[in-house]
Structures are given as structure tokens and as C-alpha cells.
């Protein structure tokens, strides 16, 4: 599974790397509401939540349907401003029907990429939104009702909420991380100019790559493998499936990449019908592990799913063993051991080395230790 952006015929200058204060605020609010997704931010989350005034904390809880389980499209601007006020000014220009429809794009659904009427004008969509909000709690349901019955008033309330966040904690954050994000965006822009999109995507995230229908060079996880259609596509290695085009908004074709310091491990992709695709990517830092390909994570889990391979791993975790030793220990033939070892080795779980006339196998403890984190990062990506 993957998300795909068709960019066939898109001029390179329409691929934009730029920081967004509103998108970064959305990432920070998500981290505050779901700290389990962001173990590296526990200290910041604890200190920030403890310092919030009760009124602001209550209002954030009421509106967290916009950023908790998924990120609302209104928090991912395609044309960011230099300040939060500029981003909010652009948000104010969206008409109510489009704003409310975008605000409630907050759940993984096959409806996301289909033309969907605004809940302000469609009773069926309004009922769906209310049911979805009710499942998240009474305060979230009340927030949703206010948005549906008084969108103008709620939009004023929401802007004031974001401005109060800026005053309480986000202003200091943006002064600190905004410089880093701007530097990363400049670096990616220069890399795009000098080296092209394929290398720029690779430098942005290992979960991103360029797929060209004319390129049949092959590669792992579909990287550069070619789609055979003659089209050029940006591919996102995510469990969710989604397809869009860089021309989804005919008035503003392109793709916008938003760097974030708070977003890891999420790779957030907004691609609603009629909206320019936006992708928020975590800025790389030395302490962050490179994301494992989802295909490789699945392969490793499947390799460990066999009872005999689990037993072999138990023995191989304690030290190196030859095929003959393993066959004798488990009462199976050497060819059977070799087949199991080959499966584990193909998944990258086994290290093999030769000692004289013996070939010894040992479990790669670092890879296995990472497997739980790789799985979690994959489903959160």
C-alpha cells in the first residue's frame, strides 16, 4: 500500500518546500494530545501541559477533534505565510462551506478522495460528521454542533484559540524552530534545483521516492521500479492508500512540502478532492532512526510468524550456531534448517559468518530490538 501523487507534466518550480507556522502549531497540538506517539517530546509535553491555564486547556480539549487522531486539512496550508497571523488570514479567506468541509477531514476514509458535499448544505454528510464527533466525546460533539450551526462564530473562536496558543507557548517555539525549518526548506529547494526531485525526495525521507514510468532499473520497495504508464509519480510509503494529482487544484497546481520539528514519526499527507497536495515531513536529526520500509517490516513479522523459526531465533539469540547444530538440537533435517535460515536471512534478521569449514548463524539483536519501533513508526507514519 502507498500514497501516490501524479506529477506528470508538472514544472519543477511548482514543487515547493516552505515552513508553515500553522502546520507546526498543528503538529505541536497533536503531540500535546497524543504524547504516546512522540516519546522524544515527553519532557516538553509534560512541562507545556502543566503550564497551560485552565481555560486554554479546556478549549484545546474541546477542539482537539481537529488534530488528535488525524490532522485536519485546515492545519496544512498549501501556501504558508511567514507568521501564524498570515496563515490565519489566509484561512479566513476560505468560504464557510469549503472551510467546514476541510475542517472535518479528520478520519481515514475512502470518501476522502471523492467529491463530498459540505455538511453545511448536505443533511447526510452533516449526520455523518455528527456521528463521528459523538464517538470522540461530548465536548467534541458540542464543538462540532457549534461549527455546523454557527460557522462564522466558531471560526472567530478558533482563530482566537490559535492566537492564545501563540501567546502561551507557540510563539517561543516558533522563534526557536522556525529558523531550523526555514534552513531545511532552503536546503531542499537548492537540492531540487541542483540534483532534481528524485534525490530531493530521498533526502527528505526514506519513505518517499520518485517513480518514473520510463525508468525500469528496479529497486527495493518499488523505488525507481517504474509504473509502466509513462507517468511520473511521488510515492509515499504509508499503510493508508491514497491517490491524487498535482493538478487537483487547477488554479494552483503543484505540491507543497512542509518541514516540521514536532511531527516525527508522522508523514502527514493532505490530498482532499480539489485541494493542492500538501505533505508535512519531519526534519531529519542525528538521533532519529531512518524509517524502515513497510514491506520490510511486514516481511520480518511474517518470517517470525513460524513456530520453528521462533525456536531457532531463541537459540540463535544466545550465540552463533551451525546448520548441523541446529538440525540436531531441534530434530529436523539440515535442509529444513537451511530453508528457515534463508527466510530469516532474507528478512535481515540473521547474521552469517564463516569460521573455517563451518558457516555460523546468529540473530541480529539490534534489528530485532528495532522491530517493535519500526512497526509502531510504520502504523503511525
Protein backbone atom coordinates (compact mmCIF):
# COMPACT_ATOMS: atom_id res chain seq x y z
CA UNK A 1 0.00 0.00 0.00
CA UNK A 2 1.14 3.54 -0.67
CA UNK A 3 0.02 7.09 -1.33
CA UNK A 4 0.67 8.45 -4.82
CA UNK A 5 0.83 11.98 -6.25
CA UNK A 6 0.82 12.08 -10.04
CA UNK A 7 3.10 14.96 -11.09
CA UNK A 8 3.30 14.17 -14.80
CA UNK A 9 3.97 17.40 -16.69
CA UNK A 10 4.42 19.49 -13.53
CA UNK A 11 7.16 22.15 -13.84
CA UNK A 12 9.87 21.64 -11.17
CA UNK A 13 9.29 25.10 -9.71
CA UNK A 14 5.75 24.03 -8.72
CA UNK A 15 7.23 21.66 -6.11
CA UNK A 16 7.64 23.92 -3.07
CA UNK A 17 9.45 23.42 0.24
CA UNK A 18 8.38 26.00 2.80
CA UNK A 19 7.74 26.11 6.58
CA UNK A 20 4.29 26.89 7.95
CA UNK A 21 3.65 28.30 11.44
CA UNK A 22 0.07 26.96 11.39
CA UNK A 23 1.18 23.47 10.35
CA UNK A 24 3.83 23.45 13.08
CA UNK A 25 1.25 24.57 15.64
CA UNK A 26 -0.96 21.70 14.48
CA UNK A 27 1.93 19.26 14.96
CA UNK A 28 2.63 20.65 18.44
CA UNK A 29 -1.05 20.42 19.43
CA UNK A 30 -1.15 16.82 18.23
CA UNK A 31 1.91 15.99 20.35
CA UNK A 32 0.25 17.59 23.40
CA UNK A 33 -2.88 15.48 22.93
CA UNK A 34 -1.15 12.23 21.93
CA UNK A 35 2.22 12.13 23.73
CA UNK A 36 2.44 8.36 23.26
CA UNK A 37 3.14 9.00 19.56
CA UNK A 38 6.11 11.20 20.41
CA UNK A 39 8.30 9.67 23.15
CA UNK A 40 11.10 12.13 22.40
CA UNK A 41 8.84 15.04 23.35
CA UNK A 42 7.65 13.76 26.74
CA UNK A 43 9.59 16.39 28.67
CA UNK A 44 8.22 19.23 26.57
CA UNK A 45 4.67 17.84 26.62
CA UNK A 46 4.69 17.47 30.41
CA UNK A 47 6.06 20.96 31.02
CA UNK A 48 3.77 22.64 28.48
CA UNK A 49 0.59 20.91 29.66
CA UNK A 50 1.43 21.76 33.26
CA UNK A 51 1.88 25.45 32.40
CA UNK A 52 -1.36 25.83 30.41
CA UNK A 53 -4.04 27.96 32.02
CA UNK A 54 -7.21 26.01 32.75
CA UNK A 55 -9.33 27.96 30.27
CA UNK A 56 -6.90 27.39 27.41
CA UNK A 57 -6.50 23.70 28.28
CA UNK A 58 -10.29 23.27 28.28
CA UNK A 59 -10.66 24.96 24.90
CA UNK A 60 -7.89 22.82 23.42
CA UNK A 61 -9.67 19.71 24.65
CA UNK A 62 -12.91 20.90 23.05
CA UNK A 63 -11.28 21.43 19.63
CA UNK A 64 -8.86 18.50 19.65
CA UNK A 65 -11.00 16.67 17.11
CA UNK A 66 -9.09 18.79 14.57
CA UNK A 67 -5.66 17.39 15.42
CA UNK A 68 -5.82 14.41 17.79
CA UNK A 69 -6.47 11.23 15.77
CA UNK A 70 -5.66 12.85 12.45
CA UNK A 71 -4.71 16.30 11.21
CA UNK A 72 -7.49 18.45 9.77
CA UNK A 73 -6.78 19.85 6.31
CA UNK A 74 -7.20 23.43 7.54
CA UNK A 75 -3.99 22.98 9.55
CA UNK A 76 -1.89 22.19 6.45
CA UNK A 77 -1.80 25.29 4.23
CA UNK A 78 -0.63 24.89 0.65
CA UNK A 79 0.64 28.48 0.56
CA UNK A 80 2.02 29.23 4.04
CA UNK A 81 2.77 32.70 5.36
CA UNK A 82 5.80 33.82 7.32
CA UNK A 83 3.81 34.21 10.56
CA UNK A 84 0.91 32.49 12.23
CA UNK A 85 -1.20 35.60 11.67
CA UNK A 86 -0.57 35.41 7.92
CA UNK A 87 -1.55 31.73 7.85
CA UNK A 88 -4.72 32.52 9.79
CA UNK A 89 -5.50 35.44 7.46
CA UNK A 90 -5.40 33.04 4.50
CA UNK A 91 -7.63 30.62 6.40
CA UNK A 92 -10.15 33.42 6.94
CA UNK A 93 -10.48 33.87 3.16
CA UNK A 94 -11.95 30.38 2.66
CA UNK A 95 -15.73 30.41 2.41
CA UNK A 96 -17.74 28.66 5.13
CA UNK A 97 -18.80 25.64 3.09
CA UNK A 98 -15.25 24.83 1.99
CA UNK A 99 -13.81 25.64 5.43
CA UNK A 100 -16.19 23.34 7.30
CA UNK A 101 -15.76 20.51 4.80
CA UNK A 102 -11.97 20.80 5.15
CA UNK A 103 -12.10 21.14 8.94
CA UNK A 104 -13.80 17.77 9.29
CA UNK A 105 -11.45 15.80 7.05
CA UNK A 106 -10.21 14.15 10.23
CA UNK A 107 -10.57 10.43 9.75
CA UNK A 108 -9.12 7.80 7.42
CA UNK A 109 -11.91 7.07 4.95
CA UNK A 110 -12.25 6.08 1.30
CA UNK A 111 -14.59 9.08 0.98
CA UNK A 112 -11.63 11.39 1.46
CA UNK A 113 -10.59 11.45 -2.20
CA UNK A 114 -14.15 11.60 -3.55
CA UNK A 115 -16.19 14.74 -4.18
CA UNK A 116 -18.03 15.20 -0.88
CA UNK A 117 -20.66 17.88 -0.24
CA UNK A 118 -20.19 20.29 2.62
CA UNK A 119 -22.00 19.28 5.82
CA UNK A 120 -23.41 22.82 5.86
CA UNK A 121 -25.59 22.02 2.84
CA UNK A 122 -25.94 18.23 2.85
CA UNK A 123 -28.01 16.53 5.56
CA UNK A 124 -26.41 13.11 5.07
CA UNK A 125 -22.90 14.48 5.38
CA UNK A 126 -23.96 16.53 8.40
CA UNK A 127 -25.31 13.40 10.12
CA UNK A 128 -22.09 11.51 9.36
CA UNK A 129 -19.94 14.28 10.82
CA UNK A 130 -22.07 14.46 13.97
CA UNK A 131 -21.89 10.69 14.48
CA UNK A 132 -18.14 10.70 14.00
CA UNK A 133 -17.74 13.54 16.51
CA UNK A 134 -20.06 11.90 19.07
CA UNK A 135 -17.79 8.86 19.10
CA UNK A 136 -14.92 11.09 20.23
CA UNK A 137 -16.67 12.57 23.25
CA UNK A 138 -19.39 15.00 24.36
CA UNK A 139 -17.15 18.08 24.23
CA UNK A 140 -16.02 17.25 20.71
CA UNK A 141 -19.66 16.67 19.72
CA UNK A 142 -20.60 20.08 21.11
CA UNK A 143 -17.73 21.70 19.20
CA UNK A 144 -18.96 20.04 16.01
CA UNK A 145 -22.51 21.25 16.55
CA UNK A 146 -21.25 24.80 17.02
CA UNK A 147 -19.25 24.55 13.78
CA UNK A 148 -22.31 23.30 11.90
CA UNK A 149 -24.83 25.77 13.33
CA UNK A 150 -22.65 28.89 13.66
CA UNK A 151 -19.59 28.51 11.42
CA UNK A 152 -18.76 32.22 11.44
CA UNK A 153 -18.78 32.41 15.23
CA UNK A 154 -16.83 29.20 15.60
CA UNK A 155 -14.19 30.35 13.13
CA UNK A 156 -13.64 33.52 15.17
CA UNK A 157 -13.41 31.35 18.31
CA UNK A 158 -10.92 29.01 16.64
CA UNK A 159 -8.69 31.83 15.45
CA UNK A 160 -8.62 33.26 18.97
CA UNK A 161 -7.69 29.81 20.28
CA UNK A 162 -4.69 29.61 17.97
CA UNK A 163 -3.65 33.17 18.85
CA UNK A 164 -3.84 32.31 22.56
CA UNK A 165 -1.65 29.26 21.90
CA UNK A 166 0.89 31.53 20.25
CA UNK A 167 0.92 33.78 23.29
CA UNK A 168 1.05 30.94 25.79
CA UNK A 169 3.71 28.68 24.27
CA UNK A 170 3.89 28.56 20.49
CA UNK A 171 5.49 31.98 19.97
CA UNK A 172 8.60 30.83 21.82
CA UNK A 173 8.58 27.55 19.91
CA UNK A 174 8.37 29.22 16.52
CA UNK A 175 11.19 31.65 17.31
CA UNK A 176 13.32 28.61 18.11
CA UNK A 177 12.34 26.06 15.44
CA UNK A 178 11.24 28.42 12.65
CA UNK A 179 14.88 29.18 11.80
CA UNK A 180 15.71 25.47 11.57
CA UNK A 181 12.67 24.73 9.41
CA UNK A 182 13.41 27.65 7.07
CA UNK A 183 17.01 26.42 6.69
CA UNK A 184 15.79 22.91 5.86
CA UNK A 185 13.33 24.27 3.29
CA UNK A 186 16.10 26.36 1.65
CA UNK A 187 18.39 23.32 1.55
CA UNK A 188 15.71 21.15 -0.09
CA UNK A 189 14.91 23.90 -2.60
CA UNK A 190 18.56 24.21 -3.57
CA UNK A 191 18.92 20.42 -3.74
CA UNK A 192 15.88 20.27 -6.02
CA UNK A 193 17.42 22.90 -8.30
CA UNK A 194 20.81 21.22 -8.48
CA UNK A 195 20.09 17.49 -8.19
CA UNK A 196 16.47 17.03 -9.18
CA UNK A 197 13.36 15.74 -7.48
CA UNK A 198 14.39 12.10 -7.02
CA UNK A 199 17.44 12.96 -4.91
CA UNK A 200 15.49 15.66 -3.03
CA UNK A 201 12.76 13.20 -2.05
CA UNK A 202 15.38 10.72 -0.88
CA UNK A 203 16.96 13.41 1.29
CA UNK A 204 13.54 14.38 2.67
CA UNK A 205 12.54 10.90 3.84
CA UNK A 206 13.38 7.29 3.03
CA UNK A 207 9.61 6.77 2.91
CA UNK A 208 9.44 8.99 -0.22
CA UNK A 209 10.62 8.26 -3.71
CA UNK A 210 10.05 9.21 -7.34
CA UNK A 211 8.52 6.62 -9.66
CA UNK A 212 9.00 7.24 -13.36
CA UNK A 213 7.20 5.14 -15.95
CA UNK A 214 10.23 5.38 -18.22
CA UNK A 215 12.63 4.08 -15.52
CA UNK A 216 12.84 0.29 -15.35
CA UNK A 217 16.01 0.00 -13.32
CA UNK A 218 14.41 -1.94 -10.45
CA UNK A 219 14.89 -1.45 -6.74
CA UNK A 220 13.56 -2.31 -3.32
CA UNK A 221 10.04 -1.41 -2.28
CA UNK A 222 9.25 -0.12 -5.75
CA UNK A 223 11.89 2.63 -5.57
CA UNK A 224 12.52 3.68 -9.17
CA UNK A 225 10.92 0.43 -10.39
CA UNK A 226 8.75 2.17 -12.96
CA UNK A 227 4.98 2.11 -13.20
CA UNK A 228 4.88 1.27 -16.87
CA UNK A 229 2.39 4.02 -17.65
CA UNK A 230 4.73 6.80 -18.71
CA UNK A 231 3.62 8.91 -15.76
CA UNK A 232 5.79 10.45 -13.08
CA UNK A 233 4.63 10.00 -9.50
CA UNK A 234 5.73 10.80 -5.98
CA UNK A 235 5.19 7.71 -3.82
CA UNK A 236 4.74 7.78 -0.03
CA UNK A 237 5.40 4.51 1.79
CA UNK A 238 2.34 4.54 4.07
CA UNK A 239 -0.11 1.85 5.12
CA UNK A 240 -3.02 4.04 4.04
CA UNK A 241 -3.83 4.25 0.34
CA UNK A 242 -4.50 7.49 -1.48
CA UNK A 243 -4.14 8.90 -4.96
CA UNK A 244 -4.17 12.46 -6.17
CA UNK A 245 -2.61 14.70 -8.77
CA UNK A 246 -0.53 17.82 -8.57
CA UNK A 247 -3.27 19.40 -10.68
CA UNK A 248 -6.06 18.67 -8.17
CA UNK A 249 -6.48 22.44 -7.77
CA UNK A 250 -6.37 23.70 -11.38
CA UNK A 251 -5.92 27.28 -10.20
CA UNK A 252 -2.81 26.41 -8.18
CA UNK A 253 -1.12 23.21 -9.46
CA UNK A 254 1.83 21.86 -7.52
CA UNK A 255 2.89 20.02 -4.38
CA UNK A 256 3.80 21.71 -1.09
CA UNK A 257 6.24 20.14 1.38
CA UNK A 258 6.13 21.47 4.96
CA UNK A 259 9.07 20.68 7.28
CA UNK A 260 8.26 20.02 10.95
CA UNK A 261 10.27 19.63 14.15
CA UNK A 262 7.35 18.18 16.13
CA UNK A 263 5.96 15.76 13.56
CA UNK A 264 8.12 12.64 13.80
CA UNK A 265 7.21 9.80 13.22
CA UNK A 266 4.25 11.09 11.20
CA UNK A 267 4.41 11.79 7.50
CA UNK A 268 1.17 13.72 7.08
CA UNK A 269 -0.43 13.83 3.64
CA UNK A 270 -3.38 16.11 2.81
CA UNK A 271 -4.90 15.36 -0.58
CA UNK A 272 -8.61 16.16 -0.50
CA UNK A 273 -10.54 16.48 -3.73
CA UNK A 274 -9.86 19.86 -5.32
CA UNK A 275 -7.05 20.81 -2.94
CA UNK A 276 -3.38 21.12 -3.74
CA UNK A 277 -1.48 18.14 -2.22
CA UNK A 278 0.43 19.00 0.95
CA UNK A 279 2.94 16.79 2.71
CA UNK A 280 4.36 17.53 6.16
CA UNK A 281 7.66 15.74 6.78
CA UNK A 282 9.82 15.56 9.94
CA UNK A 283 13.15 17.30 9.66
CA UNK A 284 15.93 14.76 9.98
CA UNK A 285 18.15 14.88 13.04
CA UNK A 286 21.04 12.63 14.09
CA UNK A 287 19.06 10.99 16.90
CA UNK A 288 16.12 9.98 14.70
CA UNK A 289 16.34 6.49 13.12
CA UNK A 290 15.74 6.21 9.41
CA UNK A 291 12.27 4.81 8.71
CA UNK A 292 12.16 1.15 7.69
CA UNK A 293 10.25 0.28 4.54
CA UNK A 294 6.81 -1.08 5.41
CA UNK A 295 7.37 -4.02 3.05
CA UNK A 296 10.49 -4.97 5.04
CA UNK A 297 8.67 -4.67 8.39
CA UNK A 298 5.92 -6.96 7.08
CA UNK A 299 8.49 -9.43 5.75
CA UNK A 300 10.21 -9.59 9.15
CA UNK A 301 6.97 -10.10 11.04
CA UNK A 302 5.96 -12.88 8.66
CA UNK A 303 9.39 -14.52 8.99
CA UNK A 304 8.96 -14.64 12.76
CA UNK A 305 5.42 -15.98 12.50
CA UNK A 306 6.52 -19.62 12.03
CA UNK A 307 6.86 -21.62 15.30
CA UNK A 308 10.07 -23.36 14.24
CA UNK A 309 11.70 -20.08 13.20
CA UNK A 310 10.77 -18.62 16.58
CA UNK A 311 12.55 -21.54 18.29
CA UNK A 312 15.57 -21.14 16.05
CA UNK A 313 15.69 -17.44 16.94
CA UNK A 314 15.69 -18.31 20.63
CA UNK A 315 18.81 -20.42 20.16
CA UNK A 316 20.48 -18.01 17.73
CA UNK A 317 19.93 -15.12 20.13
CA UNK A 318 22.30 -16.80 22.56
CA UNK A 319 25.19 -17.20 20.15
CA UNK A 320 26.30 -18.43 16.70
CA UNK A 321 25.33 -21.95 15.61
CA UNK A 322 25.93 -24.04 12.51
CA UNK A 323 23.19 -25.65 10.46
CA UNK A 324 24.20 -29.07 11.71
CA UNK A 325 23.99 -28.00 15.35
CA UNK A 326 20.53 -26.56 14.84
CA UNK A 327 19.31 -29.67 12.99
CA UNK A 328 20.48 -31.91 15.83
CA UNK A 329 19.07 -29.62 18.54
CA UNK A 330 15.58 -29.45 17.01
CA UNK A 331 15.35 -32.90 15.47
CA UNK A 332 14.86 -31.72 11.90
CA UNK A 333 16.93 -32.15 8.75
CA UNK A 334 19.71 -29.81 7.69
CA UNK A 335 17.82 -28.81 4.51
CA UNK A 336 14.83 -27.81 6.67
CA UNK A 337 17.08 -25.69 8.86
CA UNK A 338 18.63 -24.11 5.77
CA UNK A 339 15.20 -23.14 4.41
CA UNK A 340 14.21 -21.49 7.70
CA UNK A 341 17.58 -19.74 7.96
CA UNK A 342 17.23 -18.48 4.38
CA UNK A 343 13.83 -16.93 5.21
CA UNK A 344 15.21 -15.22 8.32
CA UNK A 345 18.29 -14.05 6.45
CA UNK A 346 16.23 -12.63 3.57
CA UNK A 347 14.29 -10.59 6.16
CA UNK A 348 17.58 -9.25 7.53
CA UNK A 349 17.18 -10.92 10.92
CA UNK A 350 20.22 -13.21 10.75
CA UNK A 351 23.95 -12.53 10.51
CA UNK A 352 26.10 -15.24 8.92
CA UNK A 353 29.85 -15.67 9.01
CA UNK A 354 32.31 -18.41 8.13
CA UNK A 355 34.67 -19.94 10.69
CA UNK A 356 36.96 -22.43 8.98
CA UNK A 357 34.76 -25.04 7.30
CA UNK A 358 31.70 -24.03 9.35
CA UNK A 359 29.10 -21.43 8.50
CA UNK A 360 27.67 -19.91 11.68
CA UNK A 361 24.37 -18.08 12.02
CA UNK A 362 23.38 -15.62 14.73
CA UNK A 363 20.32 -13.47 15.41
CA UNK A 364 20.90 -9.76 14.76
CA UNK A 365 19.79 -8.45 18.14
CA UNK A 366 19.82 -4.78 17.11
CA UNK A 367 17.49 -5.42 14.18
CA UNK A 368 15.10 -7.45 16.33
CA UNK A 369 15.17 -4.81 19.06
CA UNK A 370 14.15 -2.21 16.46
CA UNK A 371 11.30 -4.31 15.06
CA UNK A 372 8.67 -3.13 17.55
CA UNK A 373 9.66 0.50 16.97
CA UNK A 374 9.69 0.00 13.19
CA UNK A 375 6.19 -1.46 13.33
CA UNK A 376 4.90 1.37 15.53
CA UNK A 377 6.51 4.05 13.38
CA UNK A 378 5.07 2.40 10.29
CA UNK A 379 1.47 2.43 11.52
CA UNK A 380 1.86 5.99 12.85
CA UNK A 381 3.54 7.28 9.69
